[in-house]
Amino acid sequence: MAANSRLTVATHALAWLALAHRRGHEVLTSEQVAASVKSNAVIIRRSLGDLRRAGLVEVRHGAGAGWRLARAPEEITLLQVHDAVDARPPFALHHSEPNLECPVGRGIRPALSGVYGRVEGAMRRELAGATVADVLRETLTS
């Protein structure tokens, strides 16, 4: 099963918008963001649309159209980005009820629910402690 890259793509786009702003570019087009991510502009527009609905970016239409951060990169946490683009939990339980006559089938869901809940809590705490500014700073020193 392939890992989900929506958080990575969205964070990349936000860091690029932050750097562009720092370099004097008020907005970037979705094509410019897509060129940095090496992705299709349609995928980038979908991601930026999710970020816009979450209040993390703004879009300008018409002449000089493009995207920009809605707030300072220091004010955008990776948890906010995650929740904007992929609010699903990191792990899922069985899609159908396991065999409740089996001792493992009967107890697996409660056992894994606790573990998964702790993992998700730790992940959310880590993401809440990191900002787009932190990612950009680390990216530029790599």
N, C-alpha and C. Protein backbone atom coordinates (compact mmCIF):
# COMPACT_ATOMS: atom_id res chain seq x y z
N MET A 1 0.85 -1.18 0.00
CA MET A 1 0.00 0.00 0.00
C MET A 1 0.90 1.25 0.00
N ALA A 2 0.65 2.15 -0.89
CA ALA A 2 1.44 3.37 -1.00
C ALA A 2 1.06 4.36 0.10
N ALA A 3 2.04 5.09 0.56
CA ALA A 3 1.80 6.12 1.58
C ALA A 3 1.13 7.33 0.93
N ASN A 4 0.36 8.03 1.72
CA ASN A 4 -0.34 9.23 1.26
C ASN A 4 0.63 10.41 1.29
N SER A 5 0.73 11.15 0.21
CA SER A 5 1.67 12.28 0.13
C SER A 5 0.97 13.65 0.16
N ARG A 6 -0.31 13.70 0.46
CA ARG A 6 -1.02 14.99 0.42
C ARG A 6 -0.42 16.02 1.39
N LEU A 7 -0.06 15.59 2.59
CA LEU A 7 0.54 16.51 3.56
C LEU A 7 1.87 17.03 3.02
N THR A 8 2.66 16.16 2.44
CA THR A 8 3.96 16.56 1.89
C THR A 8 3.80 17.55 0.75
N VAL A 9 2.89 17.27 -0.17
CA VAL A 9 2.67 18.17 -1.31
C VAL A 9 2.16 19.53 -0.82
N ALA A 10 1.22 19.54 0.11
CA ALA A 10 0.67 20.79 0.61
C ALA A 10 1.73 21.60 1.36
N THR A 11 2.55 20.93 2.16
CA THR A 11 3.61 21.62 2.90
C THR A 11 4.65 22.18 1.93
N HIS A 12 4.98 21.43 0.90
CA HIS A 12 5.90 21.90 -0.13
C HIS A 12 5.36 23.17 -0.77
N ALA A 13 4.08 23.14 -1.14
CA ALA A 13 3.47 24.32 -1.78
C ALA A 13 3.51 25.52 -0.84
N LEU A 14 3.19 25.33 0.42
CA LEU A 14 3.19 26.44 1.38
C LEU A 14 4.59 26.99 1.59
N ALA A 15 5.58 26.11 1.69
CA ALA A 15 6.96 26.57 1.87
C ALA A 15 7.42 27.35 0.65
N TRP A 16 7.04 26.91 -0.55
CA TRP A 16 7.40 27.62 -1.78
C TRP A 16 6.72 28.99 -1.84
N LEU A 17 5.45 29.05 -1.43
CA LEU A 17 4.75 30.35 -1.37
C LEU A 17 5.43 31.28 -0.37
N ALA A 18 5.86 30.73 0.76
CA ALA A 18 6.54 31.55 1.78
C ALA A 18 7.87 32.08 1.26
N LEU A 19 8.64 31.23 0.59
CA LEU A 19 9.92 31.66 0.04
C LEU A 19 9.72 32.67 -1.07
N ALA A 20 8.74 32.45 -1.92
CA ALA A 20 8.46 33.40 -3.00
C ALA A 20 8.11 34.76 -2.42
N HIS A 21 7.30 34.79 -1.38
CA HIS A 21 6.93 36.06 -0.74
C HIS A 21 8.17 36.75 -0.18
N ARG A 22 9.02 35.97 0.46
CA ARG A 22 10.27 36.51 1.01
C ARG A 22 11.13 37.12 -0.09
N ARG A 23 11.05 36.57 -1.28
CA ARG A 23 11.84 37.04 -2.42
C ARG A 23 11.13 38.12 -3.23
N GLY A 24 9.98 38.61 -2.73
CA GLY A 24 9.31 39.72 -3.36
C GLY A 24 8.20 39.38 -4.33
N HIS A 25 7.83 38.12 -4.42
CA HIS A 25 6.73 37.71 -5.30
C HIS A 25 5.46 37.62 -4.47
N GLU A 26 4.51 38.48 -4.77
CA GLU A 26 3.28 38.52 -3.98
C GLU A 26 2.45 37.26 -4.13
N VAL A 27 2.38 36.71 -5.33
CA VAL A 27 1.60 35.50 -5.58
C VAL A 27 2.38 34.58 -6.52
N LEU A 28 2.02 33.31 -6.50
CA LEU A 28 2.52 32.33 -7.46
C LEU A 28 1.32 31.66 -8.11
N THR A 29 1.45 31.34 -9.38
CA THR A 29 0.38 30.60 -10.05
C THR A 29 0.47 29.13 -9.64
N SER A 30 -0.60 28.40 -9.86
CA SER A 30 -0.58 26.97 -9.56
C SER A 30 0.44 26.26 -10.45
N GLU A 31 0.68 26.78 -11.65
CA GLU A 31 1.69 26.20 -12.53
C GLU A 31 3.09 26.38 -11.95
N GLN A 32 3.35 27.54 -11.34
CA GLN A 32 4.65 27.78 -10.73
C GLN A 32 4.85 26.86 -9.51
N VAL A 33 3.81 26.68 -8.73
CA VAL A 33 3.89 25.77 -7.59
C VAL A 33 4.08 24.34 -8.09
N ALA A 34 3.33 23.97 -9.11
CA ALA A 34 3.44 22.61 -9.67
C ALA A 34 4.84 22.34 -10.20
N ALA A 35 5.49 23.34 -10.78
CA ALA A 35 6.85 23.16 -11.29
C ALA A 35 7.81 22.82 -10.16
N SER A 36 7.64 23.43 -9.00
CA SER A 36 8.51 23.13 -7.86
C SER A 36 8.25 21.73 -7.32
N VAL A 37 6.98 21.36 -7.23
CA VAL A 37 6.60 20.05 -6.70
C VAL A 37 6.87 18.95 -7.73
N LYS A 38 6.97 19.35 -9.00
CA LYS A 38 7.06 18.42 -10.14
C LYS A 38 5.80 17.57 -10.18
N SER A 39 4.68 18.27 -10.22
CA SER A 39 3.37 17.63 -10.23
C SER A 39 2.50 18.34 -11.25
N ASN A 40 1.32 17.81 -11.44
CA ASN A 40 0.34 18.39 -12.33
C ASN A 40 -0.33 19.59 -11.64
N ALA A 41 -0.54 20.65 -12.38
CA ALA A 41 -1.16 21.86 -11.81
C ALA A 41 -2.56 21.58 -11.28
N VAL A 42 -3.27 20.63 -11.85
CA VAL A 42 -4.61 20.28 -11.37
C VAL A 42 -4.53 19.71 -9.95
N ILE A 43 -3.56 18.86 -9.71
CA ILE A 43 -3.36 18.30 -8.36
C ILE A 43 -3.01 19.42 -7.38
N ILE A 44 -2.16 20.33 -7.81
CA ILE A 44 -1.77 21.45 -6.95
C ILE A 44 -2.97 22.34 -6.66
N ARG A 45 -3.78 22.63 -7.67
CA ARG A 45 -4.98 23.46 -7.44
C ARG A 45 -5.93 22.79 -6.45
N ARG A 46 -6.06 21.48 -6.53
CA ARG A 46 -6.92 20.76 -5.59
C ARG A 46 -6.37 20.92 -4.15
N SER A 47 -5.07 20.76 -4.00
CA SER A 47 -4.44 20.91 -2.68
C SER A 47 -4.57 22.34 -2.18
N LEU A 48 -4.30 23.31 -3.05
CA LEU A 48 -4.42 24.72 -2.66
C LEU A 48 -5.87 25.07 -2.34
N GLY A 49 -6.81 24.45 -3.04
CA GLY A 49 -8.22 24.67 -2.72
C GLY A 49 -8.56 24.20 -1.33
N ASP A 50 -8.05 23.03 -0.93
CA ASP A 50 -8.24 22.54 0.44
C ASP A 50 -7.63 23.52 1.44
N LEU A 51 -6.45 24.01 1.13
CA LEU A 51 -5.76 24.96 2.03
C LEU A 51 -6.52 26.29 2.10
N ARG A 52 -7.11 26.69 0.99
CA ARG A 52 -7.91 27.94 0.98
C ARG A 52 -9.14 27.78 1.87
N ARG A 53 -9.83 26.65 1.74
CA ARG A 53 -11.01 26.41 2.58
C ARG A 53 -10.66 26.40 4.06
N ALA A 54 -9.44 26.04 4.39
CA ALA A 54 -8.98 26.03 5.78
C ALA A 54 -8.44 27.39 6.22
N GLY A 55 -8.42 28.37 5.30
CA GLY A 55 -7.94 29.70 5.65
C GLY A 55 -6.43 29.84 5.69
N LEU A 56 -5.71 28.92 5.05
CA LEU A 56 -4.25 28.96 5.08
C LEU A 56 -3.64 29.69 3.88
N VAL A 57 -4.36 29.72 2.76
CA VAL A 57 -3.92 30.47 1.58
C VAL A 57 -5.08 31.28 1.04
N GLU A 58 -4.74 32.24 0.21
CA GLU A 58 -5.74 33.07 -0.48
C GLU A 58 -5.44 33.00 -1.97
N VAL A 59 -6.47 33.19 -2.76
CA VAL A 59 -6.31 33.20 -4.20
C VAL A 59 -6.75 34.56 -4.72
N ARG A 60 -6.00 35.06 -5.70
CA ARG A 60 -6.37 36.30 -6.37
C ARG A 60 -6.71 35.96 -7.81
N HIS A 61 -7.86 36.43 -8.26
CA HIS A 61 -8.32 36.16 -9.63
C HIS A 61 -8.05 37.37 -10.51
N GLY A 62 -8.12 37.18 -11.81
CA GLY A 62 -7.95 38.28 -12.75
C GLY A 62 -6.49 38.54 -13.04
N ALA A 63 -6.20 39.82 -13.39
CA ALA A 63 -4.83 40.20 -13.70
C ALA A 63 -3.95 39.99 -12.47
N GLY A 64 -2.80 39.39 -12.66
CA GLY A 64 -1.91 39.10 -11.54
C GLY A 64 -2.43 37.99 -10.65
N ALA A 65 -3.19 37.07 -11.23
CA ALA A 65 -3.81 35.98 -10.47
C ALA A 65 -2.75 35.07 -9.87
N GLY A 66 -3.10 34.48 -8.75
CA GLY A 66 -2.20 33.52 -8.12
C GLY A 66 -2.57 33.26 -6.68
N TRP A 67 -1.72 32.51 -6.02
CA TRP A 67 -1.93 32.08 -4.65
C TRP A 67 -0.90 32.73 -3.73
N ARG A 68 -1.31 32.96 -2.48
CA ARG A 68 -0.38 33.46 -1.47
C ARG A 68 -0.83 32.94 -0.11
N LEU A 69 0.08 32.99 0.84
CA LEU A 69 -0.26 32.58 2.20
C LEU A 69 -1.26 33.55 2.78
N ALA A 70 -2.19 33.04 3.56
CA ALA A 70 -3.19 33.89 4.22
C ALA A 70 -2.66 34.41 5.56
N ARG A 71 -1.62 33.79 6.08
CA ARG A 71 -0.97 34.24 7.31
C ARG A 71 0.52 33.96 7.23
N ALA A 72 1.21 34.44 8.20
CA ALA A 72 2.67 34.25 8.23
C ALA A 72 2.99 32.76 8.35
N PRO A 73 4.08 32.31 7.74
CA PRO A 73 4.44 30.90 7.81
C PRO A 73 4.69 30.42 9.24
N GLU A 74 5.05 31.32 10.13
CA GLU A 74 5.25 30.97 11.55
C GLU A 74 3.93 30.64 12.25
N GLU A 75 2.84 31.06 11.64
CA GLU A 75 1.51 30.86 12.23
C GLU A 75 0.77 29.66 11.64
N ILE A 76 1.38 28.96 10.71
CA ILE A 76 0.73 27.81 10.07
C ILE A 76 1.43 26.54 10.55
N THR A 77 0.74 25.74 11.34
CA THR A 77 1.32 24.49 11.82
C THR A 77 1.07 23.36 10.82
N LEU A 78 1.91 22.37 10.89
CA LEU A 78 1.71 21.21 10.02
C LEU A 78 0.44 20.45 10.40
N LEU A 79 -0.01 20.58 11.64
CA LEU A 79 -1.28 19.97 12.02
C LEU A 79 -2.43 20.65 11.27
N GLN A 80 -2.38 21.97 11.15
CA GLN A 80 -3.41 22.68 10.38
C GLN A 80 -3.39 22.24 8.92
N VAL A 81 -2.19 22.06 8.38
CA VAL A 81 -2.06 21.62 6.99
C VAL A 81 -2.62 20.20 6.86
N HIS A 82 -2.24 19.33 7.76
CA HIS A 82 -2.74 17.95 7.74
C HIS A 82 -4.26 17.93 7.79
N ASP A 83 -4.83 18.67 8.72
CA ASP A 83 -6.28 18.68 8.87
C ASP A 83 -6.98 19.26 7.64
N ALA A 84 -6.31 20.16 6.93
CA ALA A 84 -6.88 20.76 5.73
C ALA A 84 -6.90 19.79 4.55
N VAL A 85 -5.86 18.99 4.42
CA VAL A 85 -5.74 18.16 3.22
C VAL A 85 -6.01 16.68 3.44
N ASP A 86 -5.94 16.22 4.69
CA ASP A 86 -6.12 14.78 4.92
C ASP A 86 -6.42 14.53 6.39
N ALA A 87 -7.63 14.77 6.79
CA ALA A 87 -7.99 14.66 8.21
C ALA A 87 -8.28 13.22 8.65
N ARG A 88 -8.01 12.26 7.77
CA ARG A 88 -8.25 10.87 8.16
C ARG A 88 -7.22 10.42 9.20
N PRO A 89 -7.62 9.49 10.06
CA PRO A 89 -6.64 8.93 11.01
C PRO A 89 -5.56 8.16 10.25
N PRO A 90 -4.38 8.00 10.83
CA PRO A 90 -3.28 7.33 10.11
C PRO A 90 -3.52 5.84 9.88
N PHE A 91 -4.32 5.21 10.71
CA PHE A 91 -4.59 3.78 10.57
C PHE A 91 -6.08 3.54 10.66
N ALA A 92 -6.54 2.48 9.99
CA ALA A 92 -7.95 2.11 10.03
C ALA A 92 -8.09 0.69 10.56
N LEU A 93 -9.22 0.44 11.15
CA LEU A 93 -9.54 -0.92 11.57
C LEU A 93 -10.14 -1.69 10.40
N HIS A 94 -10.48 -2.94 10.62
CA HIS A 94 -11.07 -3.77 9.57
C HIS A 94 -12.24 -3.04 8.91
N HIS A 95 -12.41 -3.27 7.64
CA HIS A 95 -13.55 -2.68 6.93
C HIS A 95 -14.85 -3.40 7.27
N SER A 96 -14.74 -4.67 7.66
CA SER A 96 -15.92 -5.41 8.10
C SER A 96 -15.62 -6.04 9.46
N GLU A 97 -16.65 -6.39 10.15
CA GLU A 97 -16.52 -6.97 11.49
C GLU A 97 -15.75 -8.29 11.42
N PRO A 98 -14.68 -8.44 12.23
CA PRO A 98 -13.99 -9.73 12.25
C PRO A 98 -14.86 -10.80 12.92
N ASN A 99 -14.42 -12.01 12.86
CA ASN A 99 -15.13 -13.13 13.46
C ASN A 99 -15.12 -13.00 14.98
N LEU A 100 -16.27 -12.67 15.57
CA LEU A 100 -16.36 -12.47 17.02
C LEU A 100 -16.33 -13.78 17.79
N GLU A 101 -16.43 -14.90 17.11
CA GLU A 101 -16.30 -16.21 17.75
C GLU A 101 -14.83 -16.56 18.00
N CYS A 102 -13.95 -15.90 17.28
CA CYS A 102 -12.50 -16.11 17.43
C CYS A 102 -11.98 -15.19 18.53
N PRO A 103 -11.14 -15.67 19.45
CA PRO A 103 -10.63 -14.80 20.52
C PRO A 103 -9.86 -13.59 19.98
N VAL A 104 -9.13 -13.76 18.89
CA VAL A 104 -8.41 -12.62 18.29
C VAL A 104 -9.41 -11.69 17.61
N GLY A 105 -10.33 -12.26 16.85
CA GLY A 105 -11.35 -11.45 16.18
C GLY A 105 -12.17 -10.63 17.16
N ARG A 106 -12.44 -11.20 18.33
CA ARG A 106 -13.24 -10.51 19.34
C ARG A 106 -12.47 -9.35 19.98
N GLY A 107 -11.17 -9.51 20.18
CA GLY A 107 -10.42 -8.50 20.92
C GLY A 107 -9.52 -7.58 20.13
N ILE A 108 -9.38 -7.84 18.83
CA ILE A 108 -8.42 -7.08 18.04
C ILE A 108 -8.79 -5.61 17.91
N ARG A 109 -10.04 -5.32 17.70
CA ARG A 109 -10.45 -3.92 17.52
C ARG A 109 -10.19 -3.08 18.77
N PRO A 110 -10.63 -3.51 19.95
CA PRO A 110 -10.33 -2.70 21.15
C PRO A 110 -8.82 -2.57 21.40
N ALA A 111 -8.08 -3.65 21.17
CA ALA A 111 -6.64 -3.59 21.40
C ALA A 111 -5.96 -2.60 20.46
N LEU A 112 -6.29 -2.67 19.18
CA LEU A 112 -5.65 -1.78 18.22
C LEU A 112 -6.18 -0.35 18.33
N SER A 113 -7.42 -0.18 18.72
CA SER A 113 -7.98 1.18 18.87
C SER A 113 -7.16 1.99 19.86
N GLY A 114 -6.77 1.35 20.97
CA GLY A 114 -5.95 2.06 21.96
C GLY A 114 -4.59 2.44 21.42
N VAL A 115 -3.93 1.49 20.78
CA VAL A 115 -2.60 1.75 20.20
C VAL A 115 -2.71 2.84 19.15
N TYR A 116 -3.66 2.69 18.23
CA TYR A 116 -3.81 3.66 17.15
C TYR A 116 -4.15 5.04 17.69
N GLY A 117 -4.96 5.11 18.72
CA GLY A 117 -5.29 6.40 19.33
C GLY A 117 -4.06 7.09 19.89
N ARG A 118 -3.20 6.32 20.55
CA ARG A 118 -1.96 6.90 21.09
C ARG A 118 -1.02 7.36 19.99
N VAL A 119 -0.93 6.56 18.92
CA VAL A 119 -0.08 6.93 17.78
C VAL A 119 -0.59 8.22 17.14
N GLU A 120 -1.90 8.29 16.94
CA GLU A 120 -2.46 9.50 16.33
C GLU A 120 -2.24 10.72 17.24
N GLY A 121 -2.40 10.54 18.54
CA GLY A 121 -2.16 11.65 19.47
C GLY A 121 -0.72 12.15 19.39
N ALA A 122 0.23 11.21 19.35
CA ALA A 122 1.64 11.60 19.24
C ALA A 122 1.91 12.31 17.92
N MET A 123 1.33 11.79 16.84
CA MET A 123 1.51 12.41 15.53
C MET A 123 0.96 13.84 15.53
N ARG A 124 -0.22 14.02 16.09
CA ARG A 124 -0.85 15.34 16.11
C ARG A 124 -0.04 16.32 16.96
N ARG A 125 0.51 15.85 18.07
CA ARG A 125 1.36 16.73 18.90
C ARG A 125 2.60 17.17 18.15
N GLU A 126 3.23 16.24 17.44
CA GLU A 126 4.43 16.57 16.66
C GLU A 126 4.10 17.57 15.54
N LEU A 127 3.02 17.32 14.82
CA LEU A 127 2.63 18.22 13.73
C LEU A 127 2.25 19.60 14.26
N ALA A 128 1.63 19.66 15.44
CA ALA A 128 1.25 20.95 16.04
C ALA A 128 2.47 21.75 16.45
N GLY A 129 3.59 21.08 16.71
CA GLY A 129 4.80 21.76 17.14
C GLY A 129 5.71 22.21 16.01
N ALA A 130 5.32 21.96 14.78
CA ALA A 130 6.14 22.35 13.62
C ALA A 130 5.34 23.28 12.72
N THR A 131 6.00 24.31 12.21
CA THR A 131 5.34 25.28 11.34
C THR A 131 5.93 25.23 9.93
N VAL A 132 5.24 25.88 9.02
CA VAL A 132 5.75 26.01 7.65
C VAL A 132 7.09 26.75 7.68
N ALA A 133 7.22 27.73 8.55
CA ALA A 133 8.49 28.46 8.68
C ALA A 133 9.62 27.52 9.11
N ASP A 134 9.32 26.61 10.03
CA ASP A 134 10.33 25.63 10.47
C ASP A 134 10.76 24.76 9.30
N VAL A 135 9.80 24.28 8.51
CA VAL A 135 10.10 23.42 7.37
C VAL A 135 10.94 24.19 6.34
N LEU A 136 10.56 25.43 6.06
CA LEU A 136 11.30 26.23 5.09
C LEU A 136 12.72 26.47 5.59
N ARG A 137 12.87 26.81 6.86
CA ARG A 137 14.21 27.05 7.42
C ARG A 137 15.07 25.79 7.27
N GLU A 138 14.53 24.65 7.64
CA GLU A 138 15.28 23.40 7.54
C GLU A 138 15.56 23.02 6.08
N THR A 139 14.60 23.27 5.21
CA THR A 139 14.78 22.98 3.78
C THR A 139 15.93 23.78 3.20
N LEU A 140 16.02 25.04 3.57
CA LEU A 140 17.05 25.90 3.00
C LEU A 140 18.44 25.63 3.57
N THR A 141 18.51 24.94 4.72
CA THR A 141 19.82 24.59 5.28
C THR A 141 20.28 23.20 4.85
N SER A 142 19.41 22.47 4.16
CA SER A 142 19.77 21.10 3.71
C SER A 142 20.60 21.13 2.46
